N, C-alpha and C. Protein backbone atom coordinates (compact mmCIF):
# COMPACT_ATOMS: atom_id res chain seq x y z
N MET A 1 -51.50 -122.69 -66.74
CA MET A 1 -52.57 -122.10 -65.98
C MET A 1 -53.56 -121.50 -66.97
N PHE A 2 -54.84 -121.61 -66.65
CA PHE A 2 -55.86 -121.00 -67.48
C PHE A 2 -56.91 -120.36 -66.58
N PHE A 3 -57.69 -119.45 -67.16
CA PHE A 3 -58.74 -118.77 -66.42
C PHE A 3 -60.08 -119.42 -66.71
N PHE A 4 -60.95 -119.41 -65.70
CA PHE A 4 -62.32 -119.87 -65.92
C PHE A 4 -63.25 -118.92 -65.18
N SER A 5 -64.49 -118.87 -65.63
CA SER A 5 -65.44 -117.91 -65.04
C SER A 5 -66.58 -118.65 -64.35
N ALA A 6 -66.26 -119.25 -63.25
CA ALA A 6 -67.25 -119.88 -62.37
C ALA A 6 -66.87 -119.50 -60.95
N VAL A 7 -67.79 -119.60 -60.05
CA VAL A 7 -67.51 -119.20 -58.68
C VAL A 7 -66.61 -120.24 -58.02
N ALA A 8 -65.49 -119.79 -57.48
CA ALA A 8 -64.59 -120.63 -56.69
C ALA A 8 -64.35 -119.89 -55.39
N ARG A 9 -64.64 -120.53 -54.31
CA ARG A 9 -64.52 -119.88 -53.00
C ARG A 9 -63.30 -120.38 -52.25
N LEU A 10 -62.97 -119.68 -51.18
CA LEU A 10 -61.89 -120.09 -50.31
C LEU A 10 -62.12 -121.54 -49.90
N GLY A 11 -61.12 -122.36 -50.06
CA GLY A 11 -61.25 -123.77 -49.74
C GLY A 11 -61.50 -124.65 -50.96
N ASN A 12 -61.80 -124.02 -52.12
CA ASN A 12 -62.01 -124.79 -53.35
C ASN A 12 -60.71 -125.17 -54.03
N SER A 13 -59.59 -124.57 -53.64
CA SER A 13 -58.31 -124.90 -54.26
C SER A 13 -58.04 -126.39 -54.14
N GLY A 14 -57.59 -126.97 -55.25
CA GLY A 14 -57.34 -128.40 -55.29
C GLY A 14 -58.53 -129.20 -55.77
N GLY A 15 -59.66 -128.54 -55.88
CA GLY A 15 -60.86 -129.23 -56.37
C GLY A 15 -60.88 -129.30 -57.89
N PRO A 16 -61.71 -130.17 -58.45
CA PRO A 16 -61.74 -130.34 -59.90
C PRO A 16 -62.46 -129.19 -60.60
N ILE A 17 -62.04 -128.91 -61.82
CA ILE A 17 -62.77 -128.02 -62.72
C ILE A 17 -63.39 -128.95 -63.76
N VAL A 18 -64.70 -128.96 -63.83
CA VAL A 18 -65.42 -129.91 -64.67
C VAL A 18 -66.07 -129.17 -65.84
N SER A 19 -65.88 -129.69 -67.05
CA SER A 19 -66.47 -129.08 -68.24
C SER A 19 -67.98 -129.35 -68.28
N CYS A 20 -68.68 -128.66 -69.16
CA CYS A 20 -70.12 -128.84 -69.30
C CYS A 20 -70.50 -130.28 -69.64
N ASP A 21 -69.61 -130.99 -70.34
CA ASP A 21 -69.90 -132.37 -70.72
C ASP A 21 -69.35 -133.38 -69.73
N GLY A 22 -68.92 -132.92 -68.55
CA GLY A 22 -68.55 -133.82 -67.47
C GLY A 22 -67.11 -134.24 -67.38
N TYR A 23 -66.23 -133.68 -68.20
CA TYR A 23 -64.80 -134.02 -68.14
C TYR A 23 -64.08 -133.15 -67.13
N ILE A 24 -63.17 -133.73 -66.39
CA ILE A 24 -62.31 -132.94 -65.50
C ILE A 24 -61.21 -132.34 -66.37
N VAL A 25 -61.15 -131.02 -66.41
CA VAL A 25 -60.18 -130.34 -67.28
C VAL A 25 -59.06 -129.66 -66.50
N GLY A 26 -59.16 -129.64 -65.18
CA GLY A 26 -58.11 -129.00 -64.40
C GLY A 26 -58.42 -129.01 -62.92
N ILE A 27 -57.57 -128.31 -62.18
CA ILE A 27 -57.70 -128.19 -60.74
C ILE A 27 -57.70 -126.71 -60.37
N VAL A 28 -58.61 -126.31 -59.50
CA VAL A 28 -58.70 -124.92 -59.04
C VAL A 28 -57.42 -124.55 -58.31
N SER A 29 -56.85 -123.37 -58.67
CA SER A 29 -55.63 -122.98 -57.98
C SER A 29 -55.76 -121.66 -57.21
N LYS A 30 -56.40 -120.63 -57.77
CA LYS A 30 -56.51 -119.37 -57.04
C LYS A 30 -57.55 -118.46 -57.66
N ASP A 31 -57.98 -117.47 -56.87
CA ASP A 31 -58.86 -116.45 -57.43
C ASP A 31 -58.06 -115.19 -57.69
N PHE A 32 -58.67 -114.27 -58.39
CA PHE A 32 -57.98 -113.03 -58.73
C PHE A 32 -58.70 -111.81 -58.17
N SER A 33 -59.23 -111.96 -56.95
CA SER A 33 -59.86 -110.82 -56.29
C SER A 33 -58.79 -109.78 -56.00
N LEU A 34 -59.19 -108.55 -56.03
CA LEU A 34 -58.25 -107.46 -55.78
C LEU A 34 -57.93 -107.36 -54.29
N ALA A 35 -56.90 -106.63 -53.97
CA ALA A 35 -56.46 -106.47 -52.57
C ALA A 35 -57.57 -105.90 -51.69
N ASN A 36 -58.43 -105.07 -52.27
CA ASN A 36 -59.52 -104.48 -51.49
C ASN A 36 -60.74 -105.41 -51.43
N GLU A 37 -60.53 -106.67 -51.79
CA GLU A 37 -61.54 -107.73 -51.73
C GLU A 37 -62.70 -107.52 -52.69
N THR A 38 -62.47 -106.76 -53.76
CA THR A 38 -63.47 -106.65 -54.80
C THR A 38 -63.53 -107.97 -55.54
N ALA A 39 -64.71 -108.49 -55.72
CA ALA A 39 -64.85 -109.80 -56.37
C ALA A 39 -64.39 -109.73 -57.83
N SER A 40 -63.79 -110.80 -58.28
CA SER A 40 -63.35 -110.92 -59.66
C SER A 40 -64.12 -112.05 -60.31
N PRO A 41 -64.51 -111.89 -61.58
CA PRO A 41 -65.25 -112.98 -62.24
C PRO A 41 -64.35 -114.09 -62.77
N PHE A 42 -63.05 -113.98 -62.55
CA PHE A 42 -62.14 -114.98 -63.10
C PHE A 42 -61.33 -115.67 -62.01
N TYR A 43 -61.11 -116.94 -62.22
CA TYR A 43 -60.32 -117.76 -61.32
C TYR A 43 -59.33 -118.53 -62.16
N ALA A 44 -58.25 -119.01 -61.56
CA ALA A 44 -57.21 -119.72 -62.31
C ALA A 44 -57.22 -121.19 -61.95
N GLY A 45 -56.87 -121.98 -62.95
CA GLY A 45 -56.77 -123.42 -62.74
C GLY A 45 -55.54 -123.96 -63.44
N VAL A 46 -55.10 -125.11 -63.00
CA VAL A 46 -53.99 -125.81 -63.63
C VAL A 46 -54.61 -126.92 -64.47
N SER A 47 -54.25 -126.98 -65.75
CA SER A 47 -54.85 -127.97 -66.65
C SER A 47 -54.34 -129.37 -66.35
N THR A 48 -55.15 -130.36 -66.70
CA THR A 48 -54.74 -131.75 -66.48
C THR A 48 -53.49 -132.08 -67.29
N SER A 49 -53.32 -131.45 -68.46
CA SER A 49 -52.11 -131.73 -69.26
C SER A 49 -50.85 -131.27 -68.54
N GLU A 50 -50.93 -130.14 -67.82
CA GLU A 50 -49.77 -129.67 -67.04
C GLU A 50 -49.50 -130.57 -65.85
N ILE A 51 -50.55 -131.08 -65.25
CA ILE A 51 -50.39 -132.00 -64.12
C ILE A 51 -49.70 -133.28 -64.58
N ILE A 52 -50.11 -133.80 -65.73
CA ILE A 52 -49.49 -135.01 -66.28
C ILE A 52 -48.01 -134.77 -66.56
N LYS A 53 -47.68 -133.60 -67.16
CA LYS A 53 -46.27 -133.29 -67.45
C LYS A 53 -45.45 -133.24 -66.16
N ALA A 54 -45.99 -132.63 -65.12
CA ALA A 54 -45.27 -132.53 -63.85
C ALA A 54 -45.03 -133.91 -63.25
N LEU A 55 -46.02 -134.78 -63.32
CA LEU A 55 -45.86 -136.14 -62.80
C LEU A 55 -44.80 -136.91 -63.59
N GLN A 56 -44.77 -136.70 -64.91
CA GLN A 56 -43.76 -137.38 -65.73
C GLN A 56 -42.36 -136.87 -65.41
N GLU A 57 -42.24 -135.59 -65.09
CA GLU A 57 -40.93 -135.01 -64.77
C GLU A 57 -40.35 -135.58 -63.47
N ILE A 58 -41.20 -135.85 -62.49
CA ILE A 58 -40.66 -136.40 -61.24
C ILE A 58 -40.42 -137.90 -61.34
N ASP A 59 -40.97 -138.53 -62.38
CA ASP A 59 -40.70 -139.92 -62.72
C ASP A 59 -40.80 -140.87 -61.53
N GLU A 60 -41.93 -140.82 -60.86
CA GLU A 60 -42.15 -141.70 -59.70
C GLU A 60 -43.11 -142.84 -60.04
N ASN A 61 -43.29 -143.11 -61.33
CA ASN A 61 -44.22 -144.16 -61.79
C ASN A 61 -45.64 -143.95 -61.27
N ILE A 62 -46.04 -142.69 -61.21
CA ILE A 62 -47.40 -142.36 -60.80
C ILE A 62 -48.27 -142.40 -62.05
N ILE A 63 -49.33 -143.17 -61.99
CA ILE A 63 -50.23 -143.27 -63.12
C ILE A 63 -51.49 -142.48 -62.81
N LEU A 64 -51.83 -141.55 -63.69
CA LEU A 64 -53.01 -140.73 -63.52
C LEU A 64 -53.94 -141.00 -64.70
N PRO A 65 -55.05 -141.69 -64.47
CA PRO A 65 -55.97 -141.95 -65.59
C PRO A 65 -56.67 -140.66 -66.00
N VAL A 66 -56.45 -140.26 -67.24
CA VAL A 66 -57.01 -139.01 -67.75
C VAL A 66 -57.65 -139.27 -69.10
N GLU A 67 -58.81 -138.68 -69.32
CA GLU A 67 -59.48 -138.78 -70.62
C GLU A 67 -58.67 -138.01 -71.65
N ASN A 68 -58.33 -138.67 -72.76
CA ASN A 68 -57.56 -137.98 -73.80
C ASN A 68 -58.44 -137.55 -74.98
N TYR A 69 -59.73 -137.72 -74.87
CA TYR A 69 -60.72 -137.27 -75.85
C TYR A 69 -60.55 -137.89 -77.23
N GLU A 70 -59.88 -139.03 -77.34
CA GLU A 70 -59.70 -139.69 -78.65
C GLU A 70 -60.83 -140.66 -78.90
């Protein structure tokens, strides 16, 4: 999990996190607003590398095309 500082609203979970150069680097997972609903400038995402590892662990022959930046 990593933090990013862009606006993510209710319903954005599961959506892509896109870098400035257009690469998908993760998936939106949650915001960190306080219990009193004070807005937080940080949101959490799951990186594509963690998603790939999880898919490999379940070993269902799922192929996820991901840019490896090589």
